[in-house]
PDB file of N, CA and C in Angstrom:
ATOM      1  N   MET A   1     -17.906 -17.025 -98.873  1.00  0.00           N
ATOM      2  CA  MET A   1     -19.275 -16.681 -99.204  1.00  0.00           C
ATOM      3  C   MET A   1     -19.353 -15.185 -99.508  1.00  0.00           C
ATOM      4  N   PRO A   2     -19.766 -14.843-100.659  1.00  0.00           N
ATOM      5  CA  PRO A   2     -19.872 -13.423-100.996  1.00  0.00           C
ATOM      6  C   PRO A   2     -21.041 -12.769-100.267  1.00  0.00           C
ATOM      7  N   GLY A   3     -20.835 -11.526 -99.842  1.00  0.00           N
ATOM      8  CA  GLY A   3     -21.908 -10.762 -99.215  1.00  0.00           C
ATOM      9  C   GLY A   3     -21.994 -10.872 -97.705  1.00  0.00           C
ATOM     10  N   ILE A   4     -21.229 -11.767 -97.089  1.00  0.00           N
ATOM     11  CA  ILE A   4     -21.278 -11.891 -95.636  1.00  0.00           C
ATOM     12  C   ILE A   4     -20.076 -11.178 -95.042  1.00  0.00           C
ATOM     13  N   ILE A   5     -20.342 -10.248 -94.154  1.00  0.00           N
ATOM     14  CA  ILE A   5     -19.280  -9.490 -93.497  1.00  0.00           C
ATOM     15  C   ILE A   5     -18.704 -10.351 -92.370  1.00  0.00           C
ATOM     16  N   PRO A   6     -17.364 -10.425 -92.256  1.00  0.00           N
ATOM     17  CA  PRO A   6     -16.785 -11.212 -91.160  1.00  0.00           C
ATOM     18  C   PRO A   6     -17.267 -10.694 -89.799  1.00  0.00           C
ATOM     19  N   HIS A   7     -17.750 -11.602 -88.963  1.00  0.00           N
ATOM     20  CA  HIS A   7     -18.267 -11.220 -87.661  1.00  0.00           C
ATOM     21  C   HIS A   7     -18.265 -12.426 -86.726  1.00  0.00           C
ATOM     22  N   ARG A   8     -18.516 -12.147 -85.473  1.00  0.00           N
ATOM     23  CA  ARG A   8     -18.729 -13.174 -84.457  1.00  0.00           C
ATOM     24  C   ARG A   8     -20.059 -12.863 -83.798  1.00  0.00           C
ATOM     25  N   HIS A   9     -20.428 -13.720 -82.850  1.00  0.00           N
ATOM     26  CA  HIS A   9     -21.644 -13.466 -82.092  1.00  0.00           C
ATOM     27  C   HIS A   9     -21.297 -13.340 -80.619  1.00  0.00           C
ATOM     28  N   CYS A  10     -21.987 -12.437 -79.947  1.00  0.00           N
ATOM     29  CA  CYS A  10     -21.794 -12.230 -78.519  1.00  0.00           C
ATOM     30  C   CYS A  10     -22.051 -13.550 -77.798  1.00  0.00           C
ATOM     31  N   VAL A  11     -21.139 -13.931 -76.900  1.00  0.00           N
ATOM     32  CA  VAL A  11     -21.271 -15.217 -76.205  1.00  0.00           C
ATOM     33  C   VAL A  11     -22.395 -15.192 -75.173  1.00  0.00           C
ATOM     34  N   VAL A  12     -22.920 -14.019 -74.853  1.00  0.00           N
ATOM     35  CA  VAL A  12     -23.997 -13.913 -73.867  1.00  0.00           C
ATOM     36  C   VAL A  12     -25.360 -13.827 -74.545  1.00  0.00           C
ATOM     37  N   CYS A  13     -25.519 -12.866 -75.458  1.00  0.00           N
ATOM     38  CA  CYS A  13     -26.849 -12.631 -76.036  1.00  0.00           C
ATOM     39  C   CYS A  13     -26.979 -13.056 -77.500  1.00  0.00           C
ATOM     40  N   GLY A  14     -25.858 -13.281 -78.180  1.00  0.00           N
ATOM     41  CA  GLY A  14     -25.915 -13.765 -79.555  1.00  0.00           C
ATOM     42  C   GLY A  14     -25.956 -12.703 -80.632  1.00  0.00           C
ATOM     43  N   LYS A  15     -25.868 -11.435 -80.287  1.00  0.00           N
ATOM     44  CA  LYS A  15     -25.865 -10.377 -81.304  1.00  0.00           C
ATOM     45  C   LYS A  15     -24.585 -10.442 -82.131  1.00  0.00           C
ATOM     46  N   ALA A  16     -24.659 -10.026 -83.390  1.00  0.00           N
ATOM     47  CA  ALA A  16     -23.491  -9.972 -84.252  1.00  0.00           C
ATOM     48  C   ALA A  16     -22.575  -8.840 -83.787  1.00  0.00           C
ATOM     49  N   ILE A  17     -21.280  -9.147 -83.683  1.00  0.00           N
ATOM     50  CA  ILE A  17     -20.296  -8.165 -83.227  1.00  0.00           C
ATOM     51  C   ILE A  17     -19.051  -8.251 -84.097  1.00  0.00           C
ATOM     52  N   GLU A  18     -18.103  -7.361 -83.858  1.00  0.00           N
ATOM     53  CA  GLU A  18     -16.841  -7.363 -84.593  1.00  0.00           C
ATOM     54  C   GLU A  18     -16.080  -8.668 -84.306  1.00  0.00           C
ATOM     55  N   PRO A  19     -15.266  -9.123 -85.259  1.00  0.00           N
ATOM     56  CA  PRO A  19     -14.541 -10.390 -85.077  1.00  0.00           C
ATOM     57  C   PRO A  19     -13.557 -10.396 -83.904  1.00  0.00           C
ATOM     58  N   ASP A  20     -13.058  -9.231 -83.497  1.00  0.00           N
ATOM     59  CA  ASP A  20     -12.067  -9.198 -82.426  1.00  0.00           C
ATOM     60  C   ASP A  20     -12.685  -9.009 -81.044  1.00  0.00           C
ATOM     61  N   GLN A  21     -13.996  -8.930 -80.946  1.00  0.00           N
ATOM     62  CA  GLN A  21     -14.668  -8.754 -79.661  1.00  0.00           C
ATOM     63  C   GLN A  21     -15.271 -10.080 -79.197  1.00  0.00           C
ATOM     64  N   GLN A  22     -15.574 -10.145 -77.899  1.00  0.00           N
ATOM     65  CA  GLN A  22     -16.188 -11.344 -77.355  1.00  0.00           C
ATOM     66  C   GLN A  22     -17.627 -11.082 -76.912  1.00  0.00           C
ATOM     67  N   VAL A  23     -17.877  -9.862 -76.447  1.00  0.00           N
ATOM     68  CA  VAL A  23     -19.222  -9.476 -76.017  1.00  0.00           C
ATOM     69  C   VAL A  23     -19.605  -8.158 -76.681  1.00  0.00           C
ATOM     70  N   CYS A  24     -20.910  -7.850 -76.661  1.00  0.00           N
ATOM     71  CA  CYS A  24     -21.383  -6.670 -77.385  1.00  0.00           C
ATOM     72  C   CYS A  24     -21.501  -5.424 -76.521  1.00  0.00           C
ATOM     73  N   SER A  25     -21.584  -5.579 -75.207  1.00  0.00           N
ATOM     74  CA  SER A  25     -21.792  -4.410 -74.357  1.00  0.00           C
ATOM     75  C   SER A  25     -21.200  -4.630 -72.974  1.00  0.00           C
ATOM     76  N   GLU A  26     -21.195  -3.562 -72.188  1.00  0.00           N
ATOM     77  CA  GLU A  26     -20.707  -3.642 -70.802  1.00  0.00           C
ATOM     78  C   GLU A  26     -21.594  -4.578 -69.985  1.00  0.00           C
ATOM     79  N   GLU A  27     -22.891  -4.540 -70.257  1.00  0.00           N
ATOM     80  CA  GLU A  27     -23.834  -5.394 -69.525  1.00  0.00           C
ATOM     81  C   GLU A  27     -23.542  -6.871 -69.788  1.00  0.00           C
ATOM     82  N   CYS A  28     -23.304  -7.224 -71.048  1.00  0.00           N
ATOM     83  CA  CYS A  28     -22.983  -8.614 -71.379  1.00  0.00           C
ATOM     84  C   CYS A  28     -21.633  -9.017 -70.779  1.00  0.00           C
ATOM     85  N   GLU A  29     -20.702  -8.073 -70.710  1.00  0.00           N
ATOM     86  CA  GLU A  29     -19.400  -8.364 -70.104  1.00  0.00           C
ATOM     87  C   GLU A  29     -19.553  -8.654 -68.611  1.00  0.00           C
ATOM     88  N   LYS A  30     -20.420  -7.906 -67.938  1.00  0.00           N
ATOM     89  CA  LYS A  30     -20.684  -8.155 -66.520  1.00  0.00           C
ATOM     90  C   LYS A  30     -21.313  -9.533 -66.315  1.00  0.00           C
ATOM     91  N   VAL A  31     -22.258  -9.881 -67.184  1.00  0.00           N
ATOM     92  CA  VAL A  31     -22.908 -11.192 -67.096  1.00  0.00           C
ATOM     93  C   VAL A  31     -21.880 -12.297 -67.317  1.00  0.00           C
ATOM     94  N   LEU A  32     -21.006 -12.122 -68.303  1.00  0.00           N
ATOM     95  CA  LEU A  32     -19.977 -13.116 -68.601  1.00  0.00           C
ATOM     96  C   LEU A  32     -19.004 -13.274 -67.443  1.00  0.00           C
ATOM     97  N   ASN A  33     -18.552 -12.165 -66.865  1.00  0.00           N
ATOM     98  CA  ASN A  33     -17.629 -12.229 -65.736  1.00  0.00           C
ATOM     99  C   ASN A  33     -18.268 -12.881 -64.518  1.00  0.00           C
ATOM    100  N   LYS A  34     -19.537 -12.591 -64.279  1.00  0.00           N
ATOM    101  CA  LYS A  34     -20.256 -13.203 -63.159  1.00  0.00           C
ATOM    102  C   LYS A  34     -20.355 -14.719 -63.355  1.00  0.00           C
ATOM    103  N   GLU A  35     -20.643 -15.153 -64.577  1.00  0.00           N
ATOM    104  CA  GLU A  35     -20.752 -16.586 -64.870  1.00  0.00           C
ATOM    105  C   GLU A  35     -19.394 -17.279 -64.737  1.00  0.00           C
ATOM    106  N   ARG A  36     -18.343 -16.638 -65.208  1.00  0.00           N
ATOM    107  CA  ARG A  36     -17.005 -17.219 -65.073  1.00  0.00           C
ATOM    108  C   ARG A  36     -16.610 -17.358 -63.609  1.00  0.00           C
ATOM    109  N   LYS A  37     -16.939 -16.356 -62.797  1.00  0.00           N
ATOM    110  CA  LYS A  37     -16.638 -16.411 -61.369  1.00  0.00           C
ATOM    111  C   LYS A  37     -17.417 -17.554 -60.712  1.00  0.00           C
ATOM    112  N   ARG A  38     -18.677 -17.718 -61.087  1.00  0.00           N
ATOM    113  CA  ARG A  38     -19.503 -18.801 -60.555  1.00  0.00           C
ATOM    114  C   ARG A  38     -18.920 -20.164 -60.929  1.00  0.00           C
ATOM    115  N   GLN A  39     -18.505 -20.311 -62.170  1.00  0.00           N
ATOM    116  CA  GLN A  39     -17.909 -21.568 -62.618  1.00  0.00           C
ATOM    117  C   GLN A  39     -16.594 -21.856 -61.900  1.00  0.00           C
ATOM    118  N   ARG A  40     -15.773 -20.821 -61.700  1.00  0.00           N
ATOM    119  CA  ARG A  40     -14.506 -20.997 -60.989  1.00  0.00           C
ATOM    120  C   ARG A  40     -14.754 -21.428 -59.551  1.00  0.00           C
ATOM    121  N   ASN A  41     -15.702 -20.789 -58.875  1.00  0.00           N
ATOM    122  CA  ASN A  41     -16.026 -21.145 -57.505  1.00  0.00           C
ATOM    123  C   ASN A  41     -16.546 -22.577 -57.413  1.00  0.00           C
ATOM    124  N   PHE A  42     -17.342 -22.991 -58.385  1.00  0.00           N
ATOM    125  CA  PHE A  42     -17.856 -24.357 -58.408  1.00  0.00           C
ATOM    126  C   PHE A  42     -16.720 -25.366 -58.574  1.00  0.00           C
ATOM    127  N   MET A  43     -15.767 -25.067 -59.449  1.00  0.00           N
ATOM    128  CA  MET A  43     -14.633 -25.969 -59.650  1.00  0.00           C
ATOM    129  C   MET A  43     -13.784 -26.083 -58.392  1.00  0.00           C
ATOM    130  N   VAL A  44     -13.556 -24.978 -57.696  1.00  0.00           N
ATOM    131  CA  VAL A  44     -12.800 -25.007 -56.444  1.00  0.00           C
ATOM    132  C   VAL A  44     -13.555 -25.839 -55.414  1.00  0.00           C
ATOM    133  N   PHE A  45     -14.856 -25.638 -55.312  1.00  0.00           N
ATOM    134  CA  PHE A  45     -15.679 -26.406 -54.382  1.00  0.00           C
ATOM    135  C   PHE A  45     -15.592 -27.905 -54.678  1.00  0.00           C
ATOM    136  N   MET A  46     -15.698 -28.298 -55.937  1.00  0.00           N
ATOM    137  CA  MET A  46     -15.634 -29.714 -56.312  1.00  0.00           C
ATOM    138  C   MET A  46     -14.253 -30.294 -56.012  1.00  0.00           C
ATOM    139  N   PHE A  47     -13.203 -29.527 -56.215  1.00  0.00           N
ATOM    140  CA  PHE A  47     -11.853 -29.988 -55.922  1.00  0.00           C
ATOM    141  C   PHE A  47     -11.685 -30.224 -54.420  1.00  0.00           C
ATOM    142  N   VAL A  48     -12.207 -29.326 -53.606  1.00  0.00           N
ATOM    143  CA  VAL A  48     -12.130 -29.485 -52.149  1.00  0.00           C
ATOM    144  C   VAL A  48     -12.907 -30.728 -51.717  1.00  0.00           C
ATOM    145  N   ILE A  49     -14.077 -30.936 -52.279  1.00  0.00           N
ATOM    146  CA  ILE A  49     -14.872 -32.130 -51.964  1.00  0.00           C
ATOM    147  C   ILE A  49     -14.102 -33.397 -52.331  1.00  0.00           C
ATOM    148  N   LEU A  50     -13.467 -33.396 -53.501  1.00  0.00           N
ATOM    149  CA  LEU A  50     -12.674 -34.549 -53.921  1.00  0.00           C
ATOM    150  C   LEU A  50     -11.545 -34.818 -52.944  1.00  0.00           C
ATOM    151  N   LEU A  51     -10.836 -33.781 -52.535  1.00  0.00           N
ATOM    152  CA  LEU A  51      -9.744 -33.955 -51.588  1.00  0.00           C
ATOM    153  C   LEU A  51     -10.243 -34.491 -50.248  1.00  0.00           C
ATOM    154  N   LEU A  52     -11.374 -33.991 -49.784  1.00  0.00           N
ATOM    155  CA  LEU A  52     -11.945 -34.483 -48.532  1.00  0.00           C
ATOM    156  C   LEU A  52     -12.353 -35.953 -48.632  1.00  0.00           C
ATOM    157  N   LEU A  53     -12.942 -36.335 -49.740  1.00  0.00           N
ATOM    158  CA  LEU A  53     -13.317 -37.736 -49.936  1.00  0.00           C
ATOM    159  C   LEU A  53     -12.089 -38.638 -49.948  1.00  0.00           C
ATOM    160  N   LEU A  54     -11.044 -38.220 -50.623  1.00  0.00           N
ATOM    161  CA  LEU A  54      -9.817 -39.014 -50.644  1.00  0.00           C
ATOM    162  C   LEU A  54      -9.203 -39.111 -49.250  1.00  0.00           C
ATOM    163  N   LEU A  55      -9.233 -38.028 -48.522  1.00  0.00           N
ATOM    164  CA  LEU A  55      -8.707 -38.034 -47.159  1.00  0.00           C
ATOM    165  C   LEU A  55      -9.491 -39.010 -46.286  1.00  0.00           C
ATOM    166  N   PHE A  56     -10.810 -38.979 -46.367  1.00  0.00           N
ATOM    167  CA  PHE A  56     -11.627 -39.890 -45.569  1.00  0.00           C
ATOM    168  C   PHE A  56     -11.456 -41.345 -45.992  1.00  0.00           C
ATOM    169  N   MET A  57     -11.171 -41.575 -47.263  1.00  0.00           N
ATOM    170  CA  MET A  57     -10.924 -42.949 -47.720  1.00  0.00           C
ATOM    171  C   MET A  57      -9.609 -43.468 -47.166  1.00  0.00           C
ATOM    172  N   TRP A  58      -8.591 -42.619 -47.106  1.00  0.00           N
ATOM    173  CA  TRP A  58      -7.272 -43.049 -46.647  1.00  0.00           C
ATOM    174  C   TRP A  58      -7.110 -42.981 -45.132  1.00  0.00           C
ATOM    175  N   LEU A  59      -7.999 -42.325 -44.453  1.00  0.00           N
ATOM    176  CA  LEU A  59      -7.888 -42.140 -43.013  1.00  0.00           C
ATOM    177  C   LEU A  59      -7.800 -43.464 -42.244  1.00  0.00           C
ATOM    178  N   PRO A  60      -8.589 -44.480 -42.557  1.00  0.00           N
ATOM    179  CA  PRO A  60      -8.452 -45.749 -41.815  1.00  0.00           C
ATOM    180  C   PRO A  60      -7.065 -46.396 -42.019  1.00  0.00           C
ATOM    181  N   TYR A  61      -6.475 -46.244 -43.170  1.00  0.00           N
ATOM    182  CA  TYR A  61      -5.161 -46.846 -43.421  1.00  0.00           C
ATOM    183  C   TYR A  61      -4.044 -46.078 -42.739  1.00  0.00           C
ATOM    184  N   ILE A  62      -4.208 -44.786 -42.605  1.00  0.00           N
ATOM    185  CA  ILE A  62      -3.192 -43.950 -41.980  1.00  0.00           C
ATOM    186  C   ILE A  62      -3.176 -44.147 -40.468  1.00  0.00           C
ATOM    187  N   SER A  63      -4.342 -44.353 -39.875  1.00  0.00           N
ATOM    188  CA  SER A  63      -4.433 -44.446 -38.419  1.00  0.00           C
ATOM    189  C   SER A  63      -3.899 -45.764 -37.852  1.00  0.00           C
ATOM    190  N   LYS A  64      -3.669 -46.764 -38.677  1.00  0.00           N
ATOM    191  CA  LYS A  64      -3.169 -48.060 -38.177  1.00  0.00           C
ATOM    192  C   LYS A  64      -1.716 -48.006 -37.836  1.00  0.00           C
TER     193      LYS A  64
END
């Protein structure tokens, strides 16, 4: 497409940025890192819950 400069959009706020960047500012980078940490913690929590459920399901068979 003629006339369009190659660019990406900030994954946090949507502003146009350089193609090699992911976020537009330090503030957006902090928001992104905080969200990634929250998602990682949630995944660890869900994995622990899954393991506990499996343990409780197998517990009656193990105790015999």
